[in-house]
Each structure stands twice: as C-alpha cells, then as structure tokens.
C-alpha cells in the first residue's frame, strides 16, 4: 500500500509545514512569490510624488512664490512632513511586498502585517508632532519625555505587547491549540495585542478533561516568564495518558488483557 500521496497532502497543511520547519533537518525551499505589476506601479507613484514635493520645497522661498517669511517656514515644514509620510508609505509597501509576502505561513503574514501597520501608525504620529512643533529639537525632547512617562506608567502593557511580538515570531501557541501556562489550562480562542483568551478545560470543579465553561484571560507578558505546555503539535497530535488500576494476584491475566 502506497501512502506517499497521503503524506504529501499532510505536508501541504499550514500547521504541518510550520512544525516541519521547527524540526531539525528540514530544508525544503518553497518558491517565493514575485511582486505584481501593480505593486511596482505603486513604487513608481511614491517616487514621483516625493520628487514633486521635493521640487515644490525647493521653489518655496524663491522669487516664484511671493509670500512672507512666516508662511514660508510653515509651508516648508508641511512639505517636509509630507515627504516623510510618502517615504514611510514607500518603506511600508516595500517591507510588505519584499519581506512579509515572502513568508509561506498565512497567519504569520497576517500578524506581521498588523505589527507593520502599528509601527507605521506610531511613525506617522511622531512625524505629525514634529511638523506641528516649531523646531525639531523641541519635538524630539517632548517626545522623549512623553515616552519616558508612558514607559513607567504603561510598563505592563508594553511588556505584554513585546510578548505578543514573541508569539508571532516563535509561535509557542496559536488559536486552536490546547495549552497550559502557569495554572491556566485551556484551548486558545483569541490572541490579541495585550492578552490571550483560553476556554478552560478541567479546572477545580471537574475531575475530567472536559471544558469547564469558564474563560481565562492572561497577559501576553506571561509567555516571557512561564513555561508553555502545548498539547497540539501537528506532527504528533496525541497525548499519552496513564491509567492505573489494581489487579489481584490470583486474577485471570488472559481475561484482563
């Protein structure tokens, strides 16, 4: 009996692919996707817009624009901010097309895209604050003080956000896995930026491994300090369990076995 077609079908599953990559000795190279023509068109558009804004910034203040000095300073700051925003858009598009889209796992691509959008939003906010400020130095100092204050006030959420990034990169568990971390045991039903949600199984009110009906939430920072037990490894989807029972010395062993 030839089981090769069945084995090949199993290798095509996303979970099995990820598990095989985590094991030693697996060196399968998958063909990487090629950027589409519309992506290249976006790159050209970004570059043309940046060149146009750069030319406009050069013309501002010359005899071509007859405006006062205060308006020139404000207009130049706005143009610099616009150029930086277009540059951020270009870099974001490049990272998504040439790095994230080259990853074979769809969940990993989705999660990394979320991280990229979050970082892009933070950079846009920084650029906006810098443009609104009169000087770059004042904006950077204000941003540094604000970051220091928020760092102390939001230490736990920031650590949980770092734990979420760790979950994306190392993938100790994902939605659908049955895990145990600390005293929490259950099936993962959601992984957000700050916490993970489990559907508890077992628990203090049950002697079996059935769902208890309770929901457990714990911060993602817990994965950085606690051992994670995952019961859902795709290459071996079984968990050995030992059942003990007593047998008398004079029992019929053939009947028992």
C-alpha atoms as a PDB file:
ATOM      1  CA  UNK A   1       0.000   0.000   0.000  1.00  0.00           C
ATOM      2  CA  UNK A   2       1.449   3.342  -1.074  1.00  0.00           C
ATOM      3  CA  UNK A   3       0.952   6.100   1.486  1.00  0.00           C
ATOM      4  CA  UNK A   4       3.003   8.689  -0.428  1.00  0.00           C
ATOM      5  CA  UNK A   5       0.016  10.737  -1.725  1.00  0.00           C
ATOM      6  CA  UNK A   6      -1.395  10.929   1.820  1.00  0.00           C
ATOM      7  CA  UNK A   7       1.959  12.038   3.207  1.00  0.00           C
ATOM      8  CA  UNK A   8       2.258  14.744   0.541  1.00  0.00           C
ATOM      9  CA  UNK A   9      -1.233  16.009   1.414  1.00  0.00           C
ATOM     10  CA  UNK A  10      -0.254  16.256   5.064  1.00  0.00           C
ATOM     11  CA  UNK A  11       2.869  18.230   4.161  1.00  0.00           C
ATOM     12  CA  UNK A  12       0.714  20.804   2.378  1.00  0.00           C
ATOM     13  CA  UNK A  13      -1.149  21.728   5.588  1.00  0.00           C
ATOM     14  CA  UNK A  14      -0.050  25.040   7.121  1.00  0.00           C
ATOM     15  CA  UNK A  15       0.325  23.633  10.653  1.00  0.00           C
ATOM     16  CA  UNK A  16       2.393  20.694   9.452  1.00  0.00           C
ATOM     17  CA  UNK A  17       4.624  22.975   7.368  1.00  0.00           C
ATOM     18  CA  UNK A  18       5.323  25.149  10.409  1.00  0.00           C
ATOM     19  CA  UNK A  19       6.052  22.113  12.602  1.00  0.00           C
ATOM     20  CA  UNK A  20       8.388  20.636   9.988  1.00  0.00           C
ATOM     21  CA  UNK A  21      10.325  23.905   9.792  1.00  0.00           C
ATOM     22  CA  UNK A  22      10.750  23.843  13.571  1.00  0.00           C
ATOM     23  CA  UNK A  23      12.299  20.364  13.444  1.00  0.00           C
ATOM     24  CA  UNK A  24      15.936  19.812  12.554  1.00  0.00           C
ATOM     25  CA  UNK A  25      16.901  18.564   9.134  1.00  0.00           C
ATOM     26  CA  UNK A  26      14.024  20.067   7.136  1.00  0.00           C
ATOM     27  CA  UNK A  27      15.460  22.171   4.317  1.00  0.00           C
ATOM     28  CA  UNK A  28      12.570  22.372   1.849  1.00  0.00           C
ATOM     29  CA  UNK A  29      12.770  25.554  -0.209  1.00  0.00           C
ATOM     30  CA  UNK A  30       9.396  26.807  -1.373  1.00  0.00           C
ATOM     31  CA  UNK A  31       9.104  29.084  -4.409  1.00  0.00           C
ATOM     32  CA  UNK A  32       8.784  32.691  -3.341  1.00  0.00           C
ATOM     33  CA  UNK A  33       6.063  34.896  -4.809  1.00  0.00           C
ATOM     34  CA  UNK A  34       7.018  37.545  -7.357  1.00  0.00           C
ATOM     35  CA  UNK A  35       5.827  41.154  -6.829  1.00  0.00           C
ATOM     36  CA  UNK A  36       2.866  42.035  -9.032  1.00  0.00           C
ATOM     37  CA  UNK A  37       2.904  44.837 -11.596  1.00  0.00           C
ATOM     38  CA  UNK A  38       0.519  46.955  -9.532  1.00  0.00           C
ATOM     39  CA  UNK A  39       2.998  46.865  -6.622  1.00  0.00           C
ATOM     40  CA  UNK A  40       5.739  48.176  -8.909  1.00  0.00           C
ATOM     41  CA  UNK A  41       3.331  50.861 -10.129  1.00  0.00           C
ATOM     42  CA  UNK A  42       2.812  51.946  -6.515  1.00  0.00           C
ATOM     43  CA  UNK A  43       6.577  52.273  -6.052  1.00  0.00           C
ATOM     44  CA  UNK A  44       6.832  54.498  -9.120  1.00  0.00           C
ATOM     45  CA  UNK A  45       3.928  56.615  -7.853  1.00  0.00           C
ATOM     46  CA  UNK A  46       5.576  57.089  -4.448  1.00  0.00           C
ATOM     47  CA  UNK A  47       8.859  58.143  -6.057  1.00  0.00           C
ATOM     48  CA  UNK A  48       7.168  60.614  -8.448  1.00  0.00           C
ATOM     49  CA  UNK A  49       5.200  62.185  -5.568  1.00  0.00           C
ATOM     50  CA  UNK A  50       8.373  62.514  -3.475  1.00  0.00           C
ATOM     51  CA  UNK A  51      10.213  64.188  -6.346  1.00  0.00           C
ATOM     52  CA  UNK A  52       7.291  66.572  -6.881  1.00  0.00           C
ATOM     53  CA  UNK A  53       7.165  67.518  -3.203  1.00  0.00           C
ATOM     54  CA  UNK A  54      10.939  67.951  -3.160  1.00  0.00           C
ATOM     55  CA  UNK A  55      10.791  70.289  -6.145  1.00  0.00           C
ATOM     56  CA  UNK A  56       7.982  72.271  -4.516  1.00  0.00           C
ATOM     57  CA  UNK A  57      10.036  72.568  -1.309  1.00  0.00           C
ATOM     58  CA  UNK A  58      12.931  73.912  -3.346  1.00  0.00           C
ATOM     59  CA  UNK A  59      10.722  76.502  -5.068  1.00  0.00           C
ATOM     60  CA  UNK A  60       9.169  77.728  -1.819  1.00  0.00           C
ATOM     61  CA  UNK A  61      11.042  80.818  -0.693  1.00  0.00           C
ATOM     62  CA  UNK A  62      12.298  81.672  -4.153  1.00  0.00           C
ATOM     63  CA  UNK A  63      11.034  84.519  -6.267  1.00  0.00           C
ATOM     64  CA  UNK A  64       8.466  82.152  -7.757  1.00  0.00           C
ATOM     65  CA  UNK A  65       6.373  82.420  -4.533  1.00  0.00           C
ATOM     66  CA  UNK A  66       5.799  85.938  -3.212  1.00  0.00           C
ATOM     67  CA  UNK A  67       4.807  85.189   0.394  1.00  0.00           C
ATOM     68  CA  UNK A  68       6.014  86.306   3.826  1.00  0.00           C
ATOM     69  CA  UNK A  69       8.786  84.526   5.775  1.00  0.00           C
ATOM     70  CA  UNK A  70       6.479  83.061   8.429  1.00  0.00           C
ATOM     71  CA  UNK A  71       4.279  81.423   5.806  1.00  0.00           C
ATOM     72  CA  UNK A  72       7.361  80.097   4.011  1.00  0.00           C
ATOM     73  CA  UNK A  73       8.603  78.446   7.214  1.00  0.00           C
ATOM     74  CA  UNK A  74       5.223  76.827   7.867  1.00  0.00           C
ATOM     75  CA  UNK A  75       4.849  75.679   4.272  1.00  0.00           C
ATOM     76  CA  UNK A  76       8.320  74.151   4.242  1.00  0.00           C
ATOM     77  CA  UNK A  77       7.603  72.223   7.449  1.00  0.00           C
ATOM     78  CA  UNK A  78       4.393  70.892   5.943  1.00  0.00           C
ATOM     79  CA  UNK A  79       6.209  69.856   2.768  1.00  0.00           C
ATOM     80  CA  UNK A  80       8.944  68.094   4.755  1.00  0.00           C
ATOM     81  CA  UNK A  81       6.263  66.275   6.731  1.00  0.00           C
ATOM     82  CA  UNK A  82       4.512  65.264   3.505  1.00  0.00           C
ATOM     83  CA  UNK A  83       7.796  63.986   2.038  1.00  0.00           C
ATOM     84  CA  UNK A  84       8.457  61.937   5.183  1.00  0.00           C
ATOM     85  CA  UNK A  85       4.924  60.493   5.089  1.00  0.00           C
ATOM     86  CA  UNK A  86       5.363  59.431   1.474  1.00  0.00           C
ATOM     87  CA  UNK A  87       8.748  57.925   2.367  1.00  0.00           C
ATOM     88  CA  UNK A  88       7.137  55.976   5.236  1.00  0.00           C
ATOM     89  CA  UNK A  89       4.458  54.739   2.821  1.00  0.00           C
ATOM     90  CA  UNK A  90       7.160  53.623   0.383  1.00  0.00           C
ATOM     91  CA  UNK A  91       9.116  51.776   3.078  1.00  0.00           C
ATOM     92  CA  UNK A  92       5.937  50.152   4.429  1.00  0.00           C
ATOM     93  CA  UNK A  93       4.976  48.963   0.950  1.00  0.00           C
ATOM     94  CA  UNK A  94       8.490  47.616   0.359  1.00  0.00           C
ATOM     95  CA  UNK A  95       8.540  45.683   3.640  1.00  0.00           C
ATOM     96  CA  UNK A  96       5.135  44.160   2.940  1.00  0.00           C
ATOM     97  CA  UNK A  97       5.899  43.172  -0.663  1.00  0.00           C
ATOM     98  CA  UNK A  98       9.508  42.014  -0.405  1.00  0.00           C
ATOM     99  CA  UNK A  99       9.602  40.651   3.162  1.00  0.00           C
ATOM    100  CA  UNK A 100       6.195  39.805   4.609  1.00  0.00           C
ATOM    101  CA  UNK A 101       4.663  38.447   1.390  1.00  0.00           C
ATOM    102  CA  UNK A 102       7.639  36.097   1.003  1.00  0.00           C
ATOM    103  CA  UNK A 103       6.627  34.196   4.164  1.00  0.00           C
ATOM    104  CA  UNK A 104       4.796  30.954   3.453  1.00  0.00           C
ATOM    105  CA  UNK A 105       2.544  30.923   6.533  1.00  0.00           C
ATOM    106  CA  UNK A 106      -0.681  32.902   6.066  1.00  0.00           C
ATOM    107  CA  UNK A 107      -1.229  33.504   9.824  1.00  0.00           C
ATOM    108  CA  UNK A 108       2.343  34.789  10.145  1.00  0.00           C
ATOM    109  CA  UNK A 109       1.829  37.149   7.203  1.00  0.00           C
ATOM    110  CA  UNK A 110      -1.398  38.449   8.730  1.00  0.00           C
ATOM    111  CA  UNK A 111       0.135  39.027  12.164  1.00  0.00           C
ATOM    112  CA  UNK A 112       3.285  40.670  10.806  1.00  0.00           C
ATOM    113  CA  UNK A 113       1.127  42.960   8.684  1.00  0.00           C
ATOM    114  CA  UNK A 114      -0.659  44.031  11.867  1.00  0.00           C
ATOM    115  CA  UNK A 115       2.701  44.790  13.506  1.00  0.00           C
ATOM    116  CA  UNK A 116       3.790  46.756  10.431  1.00  0.00           C
ATOM    117  CA  UNK A 117       0.600  48.834  10.484  1.00  0.00           C
ATOM    118  CA  UNK A 118       1.074  49.546  14.194  1.00  0.00           C
ATOM    119  CA  UNK A 119       4.668  50.718  13.671  1.00  0.00           C
ATOM    120  CA  UNK A 120       3.598  52.819  10.690  1.00  0.00           C
ATOM    121  CA  UNK A 121       0.919  54.492  12.789  1.00  0.00           C
ATOM    122  CA  UNK A 122       3.440  55.342  15.527  1.00  0.00           C
ATOM    123  CA  UNK A 123       5.873  56.815  12.994  1.00  0.00           C
ATOM    124  CA  UNK A 124       3.107  58.887  11.413  1.00  0.00           C
ATOM    125  CA  UNK A 125       2.181  60.253  14.852  1.00  0.00           C
ATOM    126  CA  UNK A 126       5.822  61.192  15.505  1.00  0.00           C
ATOM    127  CA  UNK A 127       6.056  62.948  12.137  1.00  0.00           C
ATOM    128  CA  UNK A 128       2.815  64.804  12.833  1.00  0.00           C
ATOM    129  CA  UNK A 129       4.058  66.018  16.213  1.00  0.00           C
ATOM    130  CA  UNK A 130       7.345  67.119  14.657  1.00  0.00           C
ATOM    131  CA  UNK A 131       5.596  69.083  11.912  1.00  0.00           C
ATOM    132  CA  UNK A 132       3.283  70.855  14.374  1.00  0.00           C
ATOM    133  CA  UNK A 133       6.223  71.876  16.549  1.00  0.00           C
ATOM    134  CA  UNK A 134       8.240  74.947  15.657  1.00  0.00           C
ATOM    135  CA  UNK A 135      11.579  73.148  15.884  1.00  0.00           C
ATOM    136  CA  UNK A 136      12.647  69.541  15.504  1.00  0.00           C
ATOM    137  CA  UNK A 137      14.656  69.731  18.729  1.00  0.00           C
ATOM    138  CA  UNK A 138      11.619  70.730  20.790  1.00  0.00           C
ATOM    139  CA  UNK A 139       9.554  67.966  19.250  1.00  0.00           C
ATOM    140  CA  UNK A 140      12.200  65.317  19.943  1.00  0.00           C
ATOM    141  CA  UNK A 141      12.668  66.450  23.556  1.00  0.00           C
ATOM    142  CA  UNK A 142       8.900  66.489  24.132  1.00  0.00           C
ATOM    143  CA  UNK A 143       8.583  63.061  22.545  1.00  0.00           C
ATOM    144  CA  UNK A 144      11.430  61.726  24.696  1.00  0.00           C
ATOM    145  CA  UNK A 145       9.838  62.988  27.912  1.00  0.00           C
ATOM    146  CA  UNK A 146       6.442  61.633  26.863  1.00  0.00           C
ATOM    147  CA  UNK A 147       7.970  58.237  26.057  1.00  0.00           C
ATOM    148  CA  UNK A 148       9.717  58.160  29.447  1.00  0.00           C
ATOM    149  CA  UNK A 149       6.498  58.935  31.314  1.00  0.00           C
ATOM    150  CA  UNK A 150       4.470  56.419  29.318  1.00  0.00           C
ATOM    151  CA  UNK A 151       7.213  53.827  29.765  1.00  0.00           C
ATOM    152  CA  UNK A 152       6.830  53.925  33.555  1.00  0.00           C
ATOM    153  CA  UNK A 153       3.044  54.242  33.501  1.00  0.00           C
ATOM    154  CA  UNK A 154       2.448  51.519  30.894  1.00  0.00           C
ATOM    155  CA  UNK A 155       5.202  49.082  31.782  1.00  0.00           C
ATOM    156  CA  UNK A 156       2.930  46.038  31.975  1.00  0.00           C
ATOM    157  CA  UNK A 157       1.041  46.720  28.699  1.00  0.00           C
ATOM    158  CA  UNK A 158       4.321  47.372  26.892  1.00  0.00           C
ATOM    159  CA  UNK A 159       5.725  44.073  28.189  1.00  0.00           C
ATOM    160  CA  UNK A 160       2.554  42.332  27.021  1.00  0.00           C
ATOM    161  CA  UNK A 161       2.968  43.906  23.595  1.00  0.00           C
ATOM    162  CA  UNK A 162       6.533  42.570  23.472  1.00  0.00           C
ATOM    163  CA  UNK A 163       5.134  39.171  24.470  1.00  0.00           C
ATOM    164  CA  UNK A 164       2.679  39.401  21.554  1.00  0.00           C
ATOM    165  CA  UNK A 165       5.582  40.033  19.158  1.00  0.00           C
ATOM    166  CA  UNK A 166       7.332  36.996  20.682  1.00  0.00           C
ATOM    167  CA  UNK A 167       4.204  34.920  20.000  1.00  0.00           C
ATOM    168  CA  UNK A 168       4.283  35.999  16.363  1.00  0.00           C
ATOM    169  CA  UNK A 169       7.945  35.136  15.885  1.00  0.00           C
ATOM    170  CA  UNK A 170       8.372  31.959  17.945  1.00  0.00           C
ATOM    171  CA  UNK A 171       4.734  30.732  17.847  1.00  0.00           C
ATOM    172  CA  UNK A 172       4.695  28.691  21.091  1.00  0.00           C
ATOM    173  CA  UNK A 173       0.923  28.502  20.567  1.00  0.00           C
ATOM    174  CA  UNK A 174      -1.785  29.839  18.273  1.00  0.00           C
ATOM    175  CA  UNK A 175      -5.576  29.972  18.122  1.00  0.00           C
ATOM    176  CA  UNK A 176      -6.988  26.445  18.363  1.00  0.00           C
ATOM    177  CA  UNK A 177      -4.115  24.956  20.397  1.00  0.00           C
ATOM    178  CA  UNK A 178      -4.645  23.378  23.791  1.00  0.00           C
ATOM    179  CA  UNK A 179      -2.045  24.735  26.182  1.00  0.00           C
ATOM    180  CA  UNK A 180      -1.087  25.044  29.821  1.00  0.00           C
ATOM    181  CA  UNK A 181       0.787  28.070  31.127  1.00  0.00           C
ATOM    182  CA  UNK A 182       1.189  28.517  34.845  1.00  0.00           C
ATOM    183  CA  UNK A 183      -2.058  27.348  36.435  1.00  0.00           C
ATOM    184  CA  UNK A 184      -4.150  28.167  33.350  1.00  0.00           C
ATOM    185  CA  UNK A 185      -5.166  25.314  31.054  1.00  0.00           C
ATOM    186  CA  UNK A 186      -7.452  25.521  28.060  1.00  0.00           C
ATOM    187  CA  UNK A 187      -7.964  25.943  24.333  1.00  0.00           C
ATOM    188  CA  UNK A 188      -6.700  29.195  22.823  1.00  0.00           C
ATOM    189  CA  UNK A 189      -9.635  31.104  21.312  1.00  0.00           C
ATOM    190  CA  UNK A 190      -8.058  34.544  20.877  1.00  0.00           C
ATOM    191  CA  UNK A 191      -4.609  36.181  20.869  1.00  0.00           C
ATOM    192  CA  UNK A 192      -4.761  39.982  20.973  1.00  0.00           C
ATOM    193  CA  UNK A 193      -2.106  42.678  21.338  1.00  0.00           C
ATOM    194  CA  UNK A 194      -2.136  42.568  25.148  1.00  0.00           C
ATOM    195  CA  UNK A 195      -3.692  39.283  26.317  1.00  0.00           C
ATOM    196  CA  UNK A 196      -4.595  35.720  25.404  1.00  0.00           C
ATOM    197  CA  UNK A 197      -8.011  34.135  25.975  1.00  0.00           C
ATOM    198  CA  UNK A 198      -8.443  30.449  26.864  1.00  0.00           C
ATOM    199  CA  UNK A 199     -11.524  28.263  27.037  1.00  0.00           C
ATOM    200  CA  UNK A 200     -10.704  26.331  30.196  1.00  0.00           C
ATOM    201  CA  UNK A 201     -10.720  22.556  30.342  1.00  0.00           C
ATOM    202  CA  UNK A 202     -10.583  20.618  33.584  1.00  0.00           C
ATOM    203  CA  UNK A 203     -10.294  23.018  36.484  1.00  0.00           C
ATOM    204  CA  UNK A 204     -11.085  22.724  40.187  1.00  0.00           C
ATOM    205  CA  UNK A 205     -14.714  21.695  39.598  1.00  0.00           C
ATOM    206  CA  UNK A 206     -14.068  18.801  37.194  1.00  0.00           C
ATOM    207  CA  UNK A 207     -12.094  15.581  37.508  1.00  0.00           C
ATOM    208  CA  UNK A 208     -12.047  15.058  33.719  1.00  0.00           C
ATOM    209  CA  UNK A 209     -10.510  16.991  30.834  1.00  0.00           C
ATOM    210  CA  UNK A 210     -13.811  18.399  29.576  1.00  0.00           C
ATOM    211  CA  UNK A 211     -14.443  22.139  29.058  1.00  0.00           C
ATOM    212  CA  UNK A 212     -15.490  23.788  32.299  1.00  0.00           C
ATOM    213  CA  UNK A 213     -17.335  26.686  30.642  1.00  0.00           C
ATOM    214  CA  UNK A 214     -15.033  29.313  32.123  1.00  0.00           C
ATOM    215  CA  UNK A 215     -12.938  31.806  30.138  1.00  0.00           C
ATOM    216  CA  UNK A 216      -9.364  32.552  31.205  1.00  0.00           C
ATOM    217  CA  UNK A 217      -7.502  35.716  30.212  1.00  0.00           C
ATOM    218  CA  UNK A 218      -3.823  36.278  30.960  1.00  0.00           C
ATOM    219  CA  UNK A 219      -1.367  38.957  29.751  1.00  0.00           C
ATOM    220  CA  UNK A 220       0.961  38.034  26.911  1.00  0.00           C
ATOM    221  CA  UNK A 221       3.911  39.003  29.118  1.00  0.00           C
ATOM    222  CA  UNK A 222       3.384  35.672  30.891  1.00  0.00           C
ATOM    223  CA  UNK A 223       4.974  33.772  27.974  1.00  0.00           C
ATOM    224  CA  UNK A 224       8.271  35.548  28.711  1.00  0.00           C
ATOM    225  CA  UNK A 225       8.470  34.192  32.255  1.00  0.00           C
ATOM    226  CA  UNK A 226       6.439  30.947  32.334  1.00  0.00           C
ATOM    227  CA  UNK A 227       6.808  27.552  30.673  1.00  0.00           C
ATOM    228  CA  UNK A 228       4.234  26.894  27.944  1.00  0.00           C
ATOM    229  CA  UNK A 229       2.948  23.313  27.517  1.00  0.00           C
ATOM    230  CA  UNK A 230       1.360  22.785  24.098  1.00  0.00           C
ATOM    231  CA  UNK A 231      -0.800  19.683  23.579  1.00  0.00           C
ATOM    232  CA  UNK A 232      -1.439  20.344  19.868  1.00  0.00           C
ATOM    233  CA  UNK A 233       1.784  19.656  17.977  1.00  0.00           C
ATOM    234  CA  UNK A 234       0.679  18.787  14.395  1.00  0.00           C
ATOM    235  CA  UNK A 235       3.390  16.158  13.778  1.00  0.00           C
ATOM    236  CA  UNK A 236       2.236  14.110  16.778  1.00  0.00           C
ATOM    237  CA  UNK A 237      -1.366  15.021  17.635  1.00  0.00           C
ATOM    238  CA  UNK A 238      -1.582  12.646  20.608  1.00  0.00           C
ATOM    239  CA  UNK A 239      -1.011  12.940  24.336  1.00  0.00           C
ATOM    240  CA  UNK A 240      -0.105   9.843  26.307  1.00  0.00           C
ATOM    241  CA  UNK A 241      -2.129   9.351  29.456  1.00  0.00           C
ATOM    242  CA  UNK A 242      -1.511   6.698  32.101  1.00  0.00           C
ATOM    243  CA  UNK A 243      -4.432   4.928  33.738  1.00  0.00           C
ATOM    244  CA  UNK A 244      -3.670   2.913  36.860  1.00  0.00           C
ATOM    245  CA  UNK A 245      -5.829   0.058  38.110  1.00  0.00           C
ATOM    246  CA  UNK A 246      -5.332  -2.721  40.663  1.00  0.00           C
ATOM    247  CA  UNK A 247      -5.053  -6.409  39.722  1.00  0.00           C
ATOM    248  CA  UNK A 248      -5.235  -9.183  42.286  1.00  0.00           C
ATOM    249  CA  UNK A 249      -2.533 -11.833  42.345  1.00  0.00           C
ATOM    250  CA  UNK A 250      -4.978 -14.638  41.611  1.00  0.00           C
ATOM    251  CA  UNK A 251      -6.741 -12.807  38.704  1.00  0.00           C
ATOM    252  CA  UNK A 252      -7.034 -14.277  35.233  1.00  0.00           C
ATOM    253  CA  UNK A 253      -4.417 -12.256  33.306  1.00  0.00           C
ATOM    254  CA  UNK A 254      -5.624 -13.507  29.931  1.00  0.00           C
ATOM    255  CA  UNK A 255      -9.133 -12.247  30.668  1.00  0.00           C
ATOM    256  CA  UNK A 256      -7.826  -8.866  31.883  1.00  0.00           C
ATOM    257  CA  UNK A 257      -5.628  -8.241  28.841  1.00  0.00           C
END
